[in-house]
Amino acid sequence: MGNELLFYRLLIIIAGVLSLILSLFSYLKLKNAPGAKQYMFVTLLSSIFAFLYVFELSATSLKEIKFWLGMEYIVMPFIPAFTLLMCLEYIGIKLRQRYLFLLFALPLITVFMHHTNELHHLYYKEVGLRADAPFPIVSLQYGPFFYLHSFYLFLCLSTSIIILLLQLRKSIFRFRVQLITMVAGLFIPIVANSLYLNDLSLYGIDLGPVSMSISFIFHGVALFSLQMFNVLPIARERVFDNMLEGVIVLNQNGAIVDFNKAILRVMPVLGTFSIGKGIAMVLAGDKKLLELISRGEECEYECSEGAQVEHYQVRFSNVVNKKGAKLGTIVTFANITERIEMQQKLSELANYDGLTKVCNRRYFMDQSVEMLESILDKEENAFIIMFDIDHFKRINDSYGHEAGDIVLRRVANLAKARLRPQDLIGRYGGEEFIILLPATDLEVAVDLADVIRSAISESLTAIHDQYINVTASFGISPIQITPYNREEAFKQALRYADKALYAAKNNGRNNIQTHIDQLQIV
């Protein structure tokens, strides 16, 4: 007899300690998480209930048993209410104050009716000791209010199960596992109480405290392994797998809580194994992306895979609870590739000549002034080449303006193909082109101009069914810049190059002239 009783006491003590540990953990680590406060209360009440029931099992008289039974009923009736509140808060439902009063009204009535039972016997018709037990165990004949409380308990647990099951349909696999784990935990006390109420438990021992602690083990699995009370319950409503934007959800500690399929284009390393791991660990191989997320500032991100380049707008949204405490962060990657490509096309239309695809005059002037800044800092020389197509008007008059356009494109392509990466070419107007040569001396400038000149004069341009040959004349001028006359020096170089160009035309065309008189290499 003693060994049997000791076993049951030890079993219930273990259940009470386990519930207390889970309650302390939720208090210390999960204060602001949705549902965690209710979880803390329900585990604490369950722990108290378990310890009080150990005292009841240790009692040696009916009077002592009644005392500890009364103590149990100070905490036990509120456990179903807190369980239901936990599940409601977990899925994002917060009850209004009047419904909270209704929810806790019956537990309060239960406490009152139990402690005044001697006056009306509406809770227990009769309280005695079992004759078939080897140790003192209370025998109860239930009254109508006991059955009302039992119905309330089953109603709270059943409602909790139903609201969790309703979330399954709109949840993805890993969250279904989490919900099913919670539901399984809620079934255990229902089964245990059914056995107790139907007098099917051994010697009529109430295994409710043990069943609730086992239930909390299931919840603990979700709590520790699946982040049951993390940012997920709130954030999941905003994260859909069919969203075009890539979304990843992080908790307050930087661990990955959720992500959708679209984010895999940006973070292909993500997988089911990533849930619960820190973002720093998962993105250890991508320092650029990790730094971007760590900063938490809205920005643009460029992602390339082979020849394909995609552009994303990265936004950060905090997830907070009702008190404004931060629970985590939703990071959204919106694909703006089309917008960037459109902007690039608009930039080309605004900055480049539509016919020849070289810089237009305005953009060439702006870019040249910027380039001269670096030239001045490095104390390098720079030159301007200005050239135009000889007798271009004759081409338009003889072959038409379409032919003139073909010649302009051909000449521009021949010139671009022979420039260095640092050189800049633009269409100055009509058939006239201009080239900026940074980090260059006179000899290189003349040689480059002659290469372009030769390529143009040796090339034949197909116009309909015939080929025509064109030539070009070139003028070269240095840019004499100082910290005080950058723009003016550039404009002066343009004038000198233009004069040298006309000198080339007066010299028979298809040749190169330099502005020798003003040449001073800085």
Protein backbone atom coordinates (compact mmCIF):
# COMPACT_ATOMS: atom_id res chain seq x y z
CA MET A 1 0.00 0.00 0.00
CA GLY A 2 2.75 2.42 0.98
CA ASN A 3 4.69 1.82 -2.21
CA GLU A 4 1.62 2.41 -4.39
CA LEU A 5 0.81 5.68 -2.66
CA LEU A 6 4.43 6.80 -2.80
CA PHE A 7 4.48 6.13 -6.53
CA TYR A 8 1.39 8.28 -7.16
CA ARG A 9 2.72 11.09 -4.97
CA LEU A 10 6.06 11.04 -6.75
CA LEU A 11 4.35 11.03 -10.15
CA ILE A 12 2.23 14.07 -9.26
CA ILE A 13 5.20 15.89 -7.68
CA ILE A 14 7.18 15.43 -10.91
CA ALA A 15 4.19 16.79 -12.84
CA GLY A 16 4.00 19.81 -10.53
CA VAL A 17 7.72 20.53 -10.80
CA LEU A 18 7.56 20.27 -14.59
CA SER A 19 4.65 22.72 -14.75
CA LEU A 20 6.49 25.11 -12.44
CA ILE A 21 9.64 25.01 -14.60
CA LEU A 22 7.62 25.78 -17.74
CA SER A 23 5.89 28.63 -15.93
CA LEU A 24 9.19 30.14 -14.79
CA PHE A 25 10.67 29.81 -18.26
CA SER A 26 7.72 31.59 -19.89
CA TYR A 27 8.01 34.38 -17.30
CA LEU A 28 11.75 34.89 -17.82
CA LYS A 29 12.05 34.38 -21.57
CA LEU A 30 8.67 34.96 -23.21
CA LYS A 31 7.08 37.91 -21.44
CA ASN A 32 5.99 39.75 -24.58
CA ALA A 33 5.19 36.81 -26.84
CA PRO A 34 1.50 36.27 -27.77
CA GLY A 35 -0.11 33.66 -25.54
CA ALA A 36 2.91 33.35 -23.26
CA LYS A 37 1.34 35.22 -20.33
CA GLN A 38 -1.66 32.88 -20.32
CA TYR A 39 0.71 29.92 -20.67
CA MET A 40 2.61 31.16 -17.63
CA PHE A 41 -0.59 31.37 -15.54
CA VAL A 42 -2.02 28.02 -16.63
CA THR A 43 1.23 26.18 -15.90
CA LEU A 44 1.59 27.95 -12.53
CA LEU A 45 -2.00 27.09 -11.54
CA SER A 46 -1.48 23.51 -12.67
CA SER A 47 1.69 23.29 -10.58
CA ILE A 48 -0.08 24.61 -7.48
CA PHE A 49 -2.98 22.21 -8.09
CA ALA A 50 -0.55 19.27 -8.35
CA PHE A 51 1.25 20.12 -5.10
CA LEU A 52 -2.05 20.60 -3.24
CA TYR A 53 -3.28 17.25 -4.54
CA VAL A 54 -0.13 15.60 -3.14
CA PHE A 55 -1.12 16.98 0.27
CA GLU A 56 -4.62 15.56 -0.25
CA LEU A 57 -3.18 12.12 -1.03
CA SER A 58 -1.01 12.39 2.11
CA ALA A 59 -3.99 13.21 4.35
CA THR A 60 -5.02 10.56 6.89
CA SER A 61 -8.55 11.74 7.68
CA LEU A 62 -11.62 12.93 5.84
CA LYS A 63 -11.34 16.33 7.50
CA GLU A 64 -7.82 16.85 6.18
CA ILE A 65 -8.85 15.63 2.73
CA LYS A 66 -11.74 18.15 2.66
CA PHE A 67 -9.36 20.96 3.62
CA TRP A 68 -6.89 20.24 0.83
CA LEU A 69 -9.74 19.68 -1.62
CA GLY A 70 -10.99 23.15 -0.81
CA MET A 71 -7.50 24.58 -1.37
CA GLU A 72 -7.34 22.87 -4.77
CA TYR A 73 -10.59 24.50 -5.78
CA ILE A 74 -9.13 27.95 -5.29
CA VAL A 75 -6.89 27.46 -8.35
CA MET A 76 -8.21 24.50 -10.38
CA PRO A 77 -11.45 26.07 -11.77
CA PHE A 78 -9.44 28.81 -13.55
CA ILE A 79 -7.18 26.45 -15.52
CA PRO A 80 -9.67 25.87 -18.41
CA ALA A 81 -10.21 29.62 -18.84
CA PHE A 82 -6.50 30.40 -19.09
CA THR A 83 -6.02 27.49 -21.51
CA LEU A 84 -8.69 28.89 -23.82
CA LEU A 85 -7.23 32.41 -23.55
CA MET A 86 -3.79 31.03 -24.42
CA CYS A 87 -5.08 29.46 -27.63
CA LEU A 88 -7.10 32.54 -28.60
CA GLU A 89 -4.16 34.87 -28.11
CA TYR A 90 -1.91 32.46 -29.99
CA ILE A 91 -3.99 32.81 -33.17
CA GLY A 92 -4.31 36.56 -32.72
CA ILE A 93 -7.77 36.89 -31.09
CA LYS A 94 -8.06 39.14 -28.05
CA LEU A 95 -11.32 38.98 -26.09
CA ARG A 96 -13.10 42.16 -25.08
CA GLN A 97 -13.41 42.92 -21.40
CA ARG A 98 -17.07 41.91 -21.12
CA TYR A 99 -16.30 38.47 -22.61
CA LEU A 100 -13.42 38.06 -20.16
CA PHE A 101 -15.87 38.65 -17.31
CA LEU A 102 -18.19 35.99 -18.73
CA LEU A 103 -15.31 33.55 -19.18
CA PHE A 104 -14.19 33.88 -15.55
CA ALA A 105 -17.67 34.16 -14.06
CA LEU A 106 -18.29 30.39 -13.88
CA PRO A 107 -14.90 29.58 -12.26
CA LEU A 108 -15.67 32.19 -9.59
CA ILE A 109 -19.13 30.68 -9.06
CA THR A 110 -17.51 27.23 -8.89
CA VAL A 111 -15.14 28.38 -6.13
CA PHE A 112 -18.04 29.88 -4.19
CA MET A 113 -20.32 26.84 -4.60
CA HIS A 114 -17.56 24.42 -3.60
CA HIS A 115 -16.64 26.27 -0.44
CA THR A 116 -20.29 26.66 0.59
CA ASN A 117 -21.28 23.11 -0.31
CA GLU A 118 -22.10 22.23 3.32
CA LEU A 119 -24.93 24.75 3.15
CA HIS A 120 -26.65 23.51 -0.02
CA HIS A 121 -24.94 20.31 -1.27
CA LEU A 122 -25.38 21.47 -4.85
CA TYR A 123 -21.76 20.78 -5.73
CA TYR A 124 -21.28 17.49 -3.89
CA LYS A 125 -24.30 15.57 -2.64
CA GLU A 126 -22.10 13.55 -0.34
CA VAL A 127 -18.39 13.47 0.61
CA GLY A 128 -16.84 10.37 2.20
CA LEU A 129 -13.98 7.87 1.97
CA ARG A 130 -13.75 5.02 -0.51
CA ALA A 131 -14.10 1.60 1.06
CA ASP A 132 -12.22 -0.22 -1.72
CA ALA A 133 -8.98 1.83 -1.54
CA PRO A 134 -5.93 0.66 0.45
CA PHE A 135 -5.31 4.24 1.57
CA PRO A 136 -7.59 7.21 2.33
CA ILE A 137 -9.17 8.41 -0.93
CA VAL A 138 -12.18 10.70 -1.08
CA SER A 139 -15.47 9.37 -2.46
CA LEU A 140 -17.69 12.02 -4.05
CA GLN A 141 -21.31 12.02 -5.16
CA TYR A 142 -21.63 14.82 -7.67
CA GLY A 143 -24.27 17.53 -7.61
CA PRO A 144 -25.58 19.69 -10.50
CA PHE A 145 -22.95 22.45 -10.13
CA PHE A 146 -20.15 19.89 -10.36
CA TYR A 147 -21.52 18.73 -13.71
CA LEU A 148 -21.87 22.37 -14.79
CA HIS A 149 -18.20 22.95 -14.03
CA SER A 150 -17.23 19.74 -15.83
CA PHE A 151 -19.21 20.86 -18.88
CA TYR A 152 -17.42 24.24 -18.72
CA LEU A 153 -14.02 22.49 -18.59
CA PHE A 154 -14.79 20.34 -21.63
CA LEU A 155 -16.27 23.33 -23.44
CA CYS A 156 -13.09 25.41 -22.93
CA LEU A 157 -10.80 22.59 -24.04
CA SER A 158 -13.00 21.65 -27.00
CA THR A 159 -13.23 25.28 -28.14
CA SER A 160 -9.45 25.55 -27.89
CA ILE A 161 -9.05 22.46 -30.05
CA ILE A 162 -11.56 23.70 -32.64
CA ILE A 163 -10.00 27.15 -33.08
CA LEU A 164 -6.56 25.55 -33.51
CA LEU A 165 -7.85 23.00 -36.02
CA LEU A 166 -9.46 25.80 -38.05
CA GLN A 167 -5.97 27.23 -38.59
CA LEU A 168 -4.72 24.01 -40.21
CA ARG A 169 -6.32 24.67 -43.59
CA LYS A 170 -4.46 27.93 -44.15
CA SER A 171 -1.15 26.81 -42.64
CA ILE A 172 1.85 25.28 -44.40
CA PHE A 173 3.30 21.96 -43.29
CA ARG A 174 5.70 23.01 -40.58
CA PHE A 175 3.02 25.15 -38.87
CA ARG A 176 0.52 22.32 -39.14
CA VAL A 177 2.93 20.19 -37.12
CA GLN A 178 3.01 22.93 -34.51
CA LEU A 179 -0.79 23.21 -34.35
CA ILE A 180 -1.28 19.43 -34.22
CA THR A 181 1.23 19.27 -31.35
CA MET A 182 -0.83 21.80 -29.42
CA VAL A 183 -4.10 19.99 -30.19
CA ALA A 184 -2.63 16.67 -29.05
CA GLY A 185 -1.66 18.31 -25.78
CA LEU A 186 -5.24 19.49 -25.23
CA PHE A 187 -6.72 16.03 -25.80
CA ILE A 188 -4.77 14.48 -22.92
CA PRO A 189 -6.58 16.25 -20.02
CA ILE A 190 -9.93 15.59 -21.74
CA VAL A 191 -9.22 11.85 -21.76
CA ALA A 192 -7.88 11.86 -18.19
CA ASN A 193 -10.89 13.76 -16.83
CA SER A 194 -13.27 11.47 -18.68
CA LEU A 195 -11.69 8.46 -16.98
CA TYR A 196 -11.88 10.18 -13.59
CA LEU A 197 -15.51 11.27 -13.92
CA ASN A 198 -16.57 7.78 -15.00
CA ASP A 199 -14.73 6.22 -12.03
CA LEU A 200 -12.32 4.38 -14.34
CA SER A 201 -9.11 5.62 -12.74
CA LEU A 202 -7.36 3.35 -10.24
CA TYR A 203 -8.83 3.79 -6.72
CA GLY A 204 -10.51 6.97 -7.99
CA ILE A 205 -7.22 8.90 -8.01
CA ASP A 206 -7.51 12.12 -9.99
CA LEU A 207 -4.78 12.07 -12.65
CA GLY A 208 -5.76 15.57 -13.82
CA PRO A 209 -2.52 17.20 -12.56
CA VAL A 210 -0.44 14.56 -14.31
CA SER A 211 -2.46 14.82 -17.54
CA MET A 212 -2.13 18.61 -17.58
CA SER A 213 1.63 18.41 -17.10
CA ILE A 214 1.88 15.91 -19.94
CA SER A 215 -0.22 18.33 -21.97
CA PHE A 216 2.27 21.09 -21.19
CA ILE A 217 5.09 18.82 -22.37
CA PHE A 218 3.44 18.85 -25.80
CA HIS A 219 3.12 22.60 -25.59
CA GLY A 220 6.73 22.72 -24.44
CA VAL A 221 7.80 20.84 -27.59
CA ALA A 222 6.12 23.54 -29.64
CA LEU A 223 7.53 26.18 -27.30
CA PHE A 224 11.18 25.08 -27.48
CA SER A 225 11.45 23.38 -30.88
CA LEU A 226 8.84 25.08 -33.03
CA GLN A 227 8.77 28.61 -31.55
CA MET A 228 5.11 28.27 -30.58
CA PHE A 229 4.99 31.58 -28.70
CA ASN A 230 7.29 33.55 -30.92
CA VAL A 231 6.48 36.15 -33.54
CA LEU A 232 4.81 33.57 -35.80
CA PRO A 233 1.17 33.84 -34.67
CA ILE A 234 0.98 37.54 -35.56
CA ALA A 235 3.34 37.60 -38.51
CA ARG A 236 1.90 34.56 -40.27
CA GLU A 237 -1.27 36.48 -41.15
CA ARG A 238 0.89 38.84 -43.21
CA VAL A 239 3.03 36.21 -44.90
CA PHE A 240 1.57 34.22 -47.78
CA ASP A 241 3.36 31.71 -49.90
CA ASN A 242 1.82 33.13 -53.06
CA MET A 243 3.13 36.64 -52.47
CA LEU A 244 5.32 38.05 -55.22
CA GLU A 245 7.50 39.72 -52.62
CA GLY A 246 10.04 37.60 -50.80
CA VAL A 247 9.42 37.66 -47.05
CA ILE A 248 11.44 36.36 -44.12
CA VAL A 249 10.32 36.73 -40.49
CA LEU A 250 12.84 37.00 -37.65
CA ASN A 251 12.12 36.90 -33.95
CA GLN A 252 13.53 39.37 -31.43
CA ASN A 253 16.71 37.31 -31.15
CA GLY A 254 17.38 37.24 -34.90
CA ALA A 255 16.25 33.63 -35.35
CA ILE A 256 14.30 32.67 -38.49
CA VAL A 257 10.62 32.07 -37.72
CA ASP A 258 9.09 31.91 -41.18
CA PHE A 259 9.70 32.62 -44.86
CA ASN A 260 7.83 32.26 -48.12
CA LYS A 261 8.77 30.68 -51.44
CA ALA A 262 9.57 33.97 -53.19
CA ILE A 263 12.46 34.69 -50.80
CA LEU A 264 14.29 31.62 -52.11
CA ARG A 265 15.26 33.64 -55.21
CA VAL A 266 17.23 35.91 -52.89
CA MET A 267 18.25 33.34 -50.25
CA PRO A 268 18.42 29.91 -51.92
CA VAL A 269 20.20 28.53 -48.83
CA LEU A 270 16.93 28.63 -46.84
CA GLY A 271 15.15 25.36 -46.10
CA THR A 272 12.99 23.75 -43.44
CA PHE A 273 16.17 23.21 -41.42
CA SER A 274 16.57 27.01 -41.23
CA ILE A 275 13.57 27.51 -38.94
CA GLY A 276 14.77 28.36 -35.46
CA LYS A 277 18.34 29.09 -36.55
CA GLY A 278 19.93 32.54 -36.34
CA ILE A 279 20.02 34.55 -39.57
CA ALA A 280 23.75 35.12 -39.02
CA MET A 281 24.36 31.37 -39.09
CA VAL A 282 22.22 30.73 -42.17
CA LEU A 283 23.74 33.62 -44.17
CA ALA A 284 27.31 33.08 -43.00
CA GLY A 285 28.36 32.59 -46.63
CA ASP A 286 26.76 35.83 -47.87
CA LYS A 287 28.33 38.68 -45.89
CA LYS A 288 26.81 41.38 -48.10
CA LEU A 289 23.22 40.22 -47.55
CA LEU A 290 23.81 39.54 -43.84
CA GLU A 291 25.17 43.06 -43.31
CA LEU A 292 22.17 44.52 -45.16
CA ILE A 293 19.69 42.67 -42.90
CA SER A 294 21.70 43.44 -39.75
CA ARG A 295 21.53 47.19 -40.48
CA GLY A 296 17.74 47.04 -40.68
CA GLU A 297 17.51 50.07 -42.98
CA GLU A 298 15.40 50.32 -46.11
CA CYS A 299 17.61 49.98 -49.16
CA GLU A 300 18.00 48.42 -52.60
CA TYR A 301 19.69 45.09 -53.19
CA GLU A 302 21.07 43.64 -56.41
CA CYS A 303 21.02 39.87 -56.81
CA SER A 304 22.70 38.12 -59.75
CA GLU A 305 22.55 34.53 -60.88
CA GLY A 306 24.66 33.92 -63.94
CA ALA A 307 23.81 36.54 -66.54
CA GLN A 308 20.47 37.37 -64.90
CA VAL A 309 20.42 40.38 -62.58
CA GLU A 310 17.46 41.19 -60.32
CA HIS A 311 16.90 44.29 -58.23
CA TYR A 312 15.00 44.36 -54.92
CA GLN A 313 13.63 47.03 -52.62
CA VAL A 314 14.28 45.85 -49.05
CA ARG A 315 11.89 47.00 -46.32
CA PHE A 316 11.77 46.24 -42.59
CA SER A 317 8.58 46.11 -40.49
CA ASN A 318 8.56 45.56 -36.74
CA VAL A 319 6.07 43.09 -35.27
CA VAL A 320 4.78 44.34 -31.91
CA ASN A 321 2.27 43.16 -29.36
CA LYS A 322 -0.60 45.18 -27.92
CA LYS A 323 1.76 46.97 -25.54
CA GLY A 324 4.08 48.02 -28.34
CA ALA A 325 6.89 45.66 -27.32
CA LYS A 326 8.89 44.39 -30.29
CA LEU A 327 8.45 40.69 -30.99
CA GLY A 328 10.38 40.45 -34.24
CA THR A 329 10.94 41.84 -37.72
CA ILE A 330 9.41 41.16 -41.12
CA VAL A 331 11.95 41.69 -43.91
CA THR A 332 10.38 42.13 -47.36
CA PHE A 333 12.23 41.90 -50.67
CA ALA A 334 10.09 43.51 -53.39
CA ASN A 335 11.30 42.74 -56.91
CA ILE A 336 11.80 46.09 -58.66
CA THR A 337 13.77 44.75 -61.64
CA GLU A 338 11.20 46.00 -64.15
CA ARG A 339 11.21 49.45 -62.57
CA ILE A 340 15.02 49.65 -62.55
CA GLU A 341 15.19 48.50 -66.17
CA MET A 342 12.56 51.08 -67.10
CA GLN A 343 14.54 53.77 -65.29
CA GLN A 344 17.65 52.68 -67.17
CA LYS A 345 15.77 52.90 -70.46
CA LEU A 346 14.44 56.34 -69.54
CA SER A 347 17.95 57.35 -68.54
CA GLU A 348 19.21 56.20 -71.93
CA LEU A 349 16.48 58.19 -73.66
CA ALA A 350 17.33 61.25 -71.59
CA ASN A 351 21.12 60.97 -71.72
CA TYR A 352 21.94 59.21 -74.97
CA ASP A 353 21.40 60.07 -78.58
CA GLY A 354 18.62 57.86 -79.90
CA LEU A 355 20.21 57.40 -83.33
CA THR A 356 23.90 56.80 -82.59
CA LYS A 357 23.59 55.50 -78.98
CA VAL A 358 26.40 57.75 -77.74
CA CYS A 359 26.01 60.51 -75.13
CA ASN A 360 23.90 63.47 -76.15
CA ARG A 361 25.48 66.90 -75.84
CA ARG A 362 24.04 67.80 -72.42
CA TYR A 363 24.97 64.49 -70.79
CA PHE A 364 28.45 64.56 -72.34
CA MET A 365 29.07 68.02 -70.88
CA ASP A 366 27.85 67.00 -67.40
CA GLN A 367 29.88 63.79 -67.34
CA SER A 368 33.00 65.55 -68.62
CA VAL A 369 32.94 68.10 -65.77
CA GLU A 370 32.66 65.26 -63.24
CA MET A 371 35.54 63.36 -64.85
CA LEU A 372 37.71 66.47 -64.76
CA GLU A 373 37.42 66.49 -60.96
CA SER A 374 39.32 63.20 -60.69
CA ILE A 375 41.77 64.30 -63.40
CA LEU A 376 42.60 67.41 -61.38
CA ASP A 377 43.09 65.37 -58.17
CA LYS A 378 45.53 63.02 -59.91
CA GLU A 379 47.28 65.87 -61.79
CA GLU A 380 46.78 64.11 -65.12
CA ASN A 381 46.44 65.56 -68.62
CA ALA A 382 43.27 65.44 -70.69
CA PHE A 383 42.41 66.14 -74.33
CA ILE A 384 39.36 66.89 -76.41
CA ILE A 385 38.87 65.42 -79.90
CA MET A 386 36.20 66.97 -82.06
CA PHE A 387 35.40 65.53 -85.49
CA ASP A 388 32.69 65.62 -88.07
CA ILE A 389 31.83 63.79 -91.29
CA ASP A 390 33.12 65.46 -94.44
CA HIS A 391 30.53 66.59 -97.01
CA PHE A 392 27.69 65.09 -94.98
CA LYS A 393 25.11 67.34 -96.65
CA ARG A 394 25.93 65.72 -100.00
CA ILE A 395 25.06 62.29 -98.56
CA ASN A 396 21.64 63.52 -97.44
CA ASP A 397 21.04 65.28 -100.76
CA SER A 398 22.23 62.33 -102.88
CA TYR A 399 20.95 59.33 -100.95
CA GLY A 400 18.32 60.76 -98.61
CA HIS A 401 18.14 61.34 -94.87
CA GLU A 402 17.73 57.63 -94.14
CA ALA A 403 21.12 57.06 -95.73
CA GLY A 404 22.51 59.93 -93.64
CA ASP A 405 21.27 58.21 -90.47
CA ILE A 406 22.94 54.94 -91.50
CA VAL A 407 26.24 56.77 -92.02
CA LEU A 408 25.98 58.51 -88.63
CA ARG A 409 25.39 55.18 -86.85
CA ARG A 410 28.27 53.57 -88.77
CA VAL A 411 30.73 56.34 -87.91
CA ALA A 412 29.68 56.40 -84.24
CA ASN A 413 30.15 52.61 -83.95
CA LEU A 414 33.57 52.75 -85.62
CA ALA A 415 34.70 55.45 -83.17
CA LYS A 416 33.28 53.72 -80.06
CA ALA A 417 34.96 50.44 -80.98
CA ARG A 418 38.40 52.07 -80.88
CA LEU A 419 38.11 54.04 -77.65
CA ARG A 420 39.53 53.00 -74.30
CA PRO A 421 37.19 52.12 -71.39
CA GLN A 422 37.88 55.45 -69.66
CA ASP A 423 37.14 57.57 -72.76
CA LEU A 424 33.82 59.33 -73.31
CA ILE A 425 32.16 60.00 -76.66
CA GLY A 426 29.13 62.12 -77.47
CA ARG A 427 27.20 63.54 -80.40
CA TYR A 428 27.83 67.25 -80.33
CA GLY A 429 25.25 68.09 -82.95
CA GLY A 430 24.33 67.10 -86.53
CA GLU A 431 27.25 65.15 -87.99
CA GLU A 432 29.69 66.39 -85.35
CA PHE A 433 31.08 64.18 -82.54
CA ILE A 434 33.23 64.90 -79.50
CA ILE A 435 35.54 62.70 -77.42
CA LEU A 436 37.04 63.29 -73.95
CA LEU A 437 40.37 61.54 -73.36
CA PRO A 438 41.39 61.53 -69.65
CA ALA A 439 44.89 60.52 -68.50
CA THR A 440 46.30 61.10 -71.97
CA ASP A 441 49.22 62.94 -73.56
CA LEU A 442 49.30 64.62 -76.98
CA GLU A 443 50.93 61.73 -78.80
CA VAL A 444 48.30 59.22 -77.62
CA ALA A 445 45.49 61.63 -78.49
CA VAL A 446 46.82 62.14 -82.03
CA ASP A 447 47.40 58.40 -82.54
CA LEU A 448 43.88 57.55 -81.35
CA ALA A 449 42.33 60.22 -83.58
CA ASP A 450 44.29 58.85 -86.54
CA VAL A 451 43.13 55.29 -85.84
CA ILE A 452 39.51 56.46 -85.89
CA ARG A 453 40.08 58.59 -88.97
CA SER A 454 41.64 55.66 -90.85
CA ALA A 455 38.83 53.29 -89.81
CA ILE A 456 36.21 55.72 -91.14
CA SER A 457 37.99 56.42 -94.43
CA GLU A 458 38.68 52.74 -95.09
CA SER A 459 35.16 51.60 -94.28
CA LEU A 460 32.37 51.19 -96.82
CA THR A 461 28.79 51.85 -95.73
CA ALA A 462 26.02 49.88 -97.40
CA ILE A 463 23.20 52.14 -98.63
CA HIS A 464 20.46 50.08 -100.22
CA ASP A 465 22.19 48.27 -103.12
CA GLN A 466 25.39 50.29 -103.17
CA TYR A 467 28.34 51.18 -100.95
CA ILE A 468 29.58 54.64 -100.16
CA ASN A 469 32.79 55.88 -98.60
CA VAL A 470 33.01 58.80 -96.17
CA THR A 471 35.84 60.60 -94.42
CA ALA A 472 36.08 62.77 -91.31
CA SER A 473 38.14 65.73 -90.15
CA PHE A 474 39.57 66.01 -86.62
CA GLY A 475 40.55 68.80 -84.24
CA ILE A 476 42.43 68.21 -80.96
CA SER A 477 42.91 70.46 -77.96
CA PRO A 478 44.34 69.96 -74.46
CA ILE A 479 42.24 70.85 -71.40
CA GLN A 480 44.21 73.23 -69.22
CA ILE A 481 42.45 72.90 -65.85
CA THR A 482 43.18 74.38 -62.43
CA PRO A 483 41.15 74.18 -59.18
CA TYR A 484 39.62 77.56 -60.06
CA ASN A 485 38.67 77.18 -63.74
CA ARG A 486 37.45 73.62 -64.37
CA GLU A 487 34.30 74.47 -66.32
CA GLU A 488 35.83 77.42 -68.09
CA ALA A 489 38.92 75.41 -69.07
CA PHE A 490 36.67 72.72 -70.53
CA LYS A 491 34.64 75.24 -72.53
CA GLN A 492 37.83 76.87 -73.75
CA ALA A 493 39.18 73.47 -74.87
CA LEU A 494 35.96 72.94 -76.83
CA ARG A 495 36.47 76.25 -78.64
CA TYR A 496 40.10 75.41 -79.42
CA ALA A 497 39.18 71.92 -80.66
CA ASP A 498 36.48 73.45 -82.87
CA LYS A 499 39.02 75.87 -84.36
CA ALA A 500 41.45 72.99 -84.99
CA LEU A 501 38.61 71.03 -86.67
CA TYR A 502 37.92 73.89 -89.07
CA ALA A 503 41.65 74.14 -89.72
CA ALA A 504 41.56 70.45 -90.73
CA LYS A 505 38.67 71.11 -93.12
CA ASN A 506 40.52 74.08 -94.62
CA ASN A 507 43.54 71.81 -94.98
CA GLY A 508 41.73 69.48 -97.39
CA ARG A 509 39.62 67.38 -94.92
CA ASN A 510 40.29 63.79 -93.81
CA ASN A 511 43.18 64.94 -91.60
CA ILE A 512 44.00 65.87 -88.01
CA GLN A 513 44.91 69.29 -86.64
CA THR A 514 45.90 70.24 -83.08
CA HIS A 515 45.63 73.55 -81.29
CA ILE A 516 49.43 73.91 -81.10
CA ASP A 517 49.58 77.54 -80.17
CA GLN A 518 47.72 77.07 -76.86
CA LEU A 519 49.17 73.64 -75.99
CA GLN A 520 50.48 73.52 -72.41
CA ILE A 521 50.52 70.16 -70.76
CA VAL A 522 49.82 70.51 -67.07
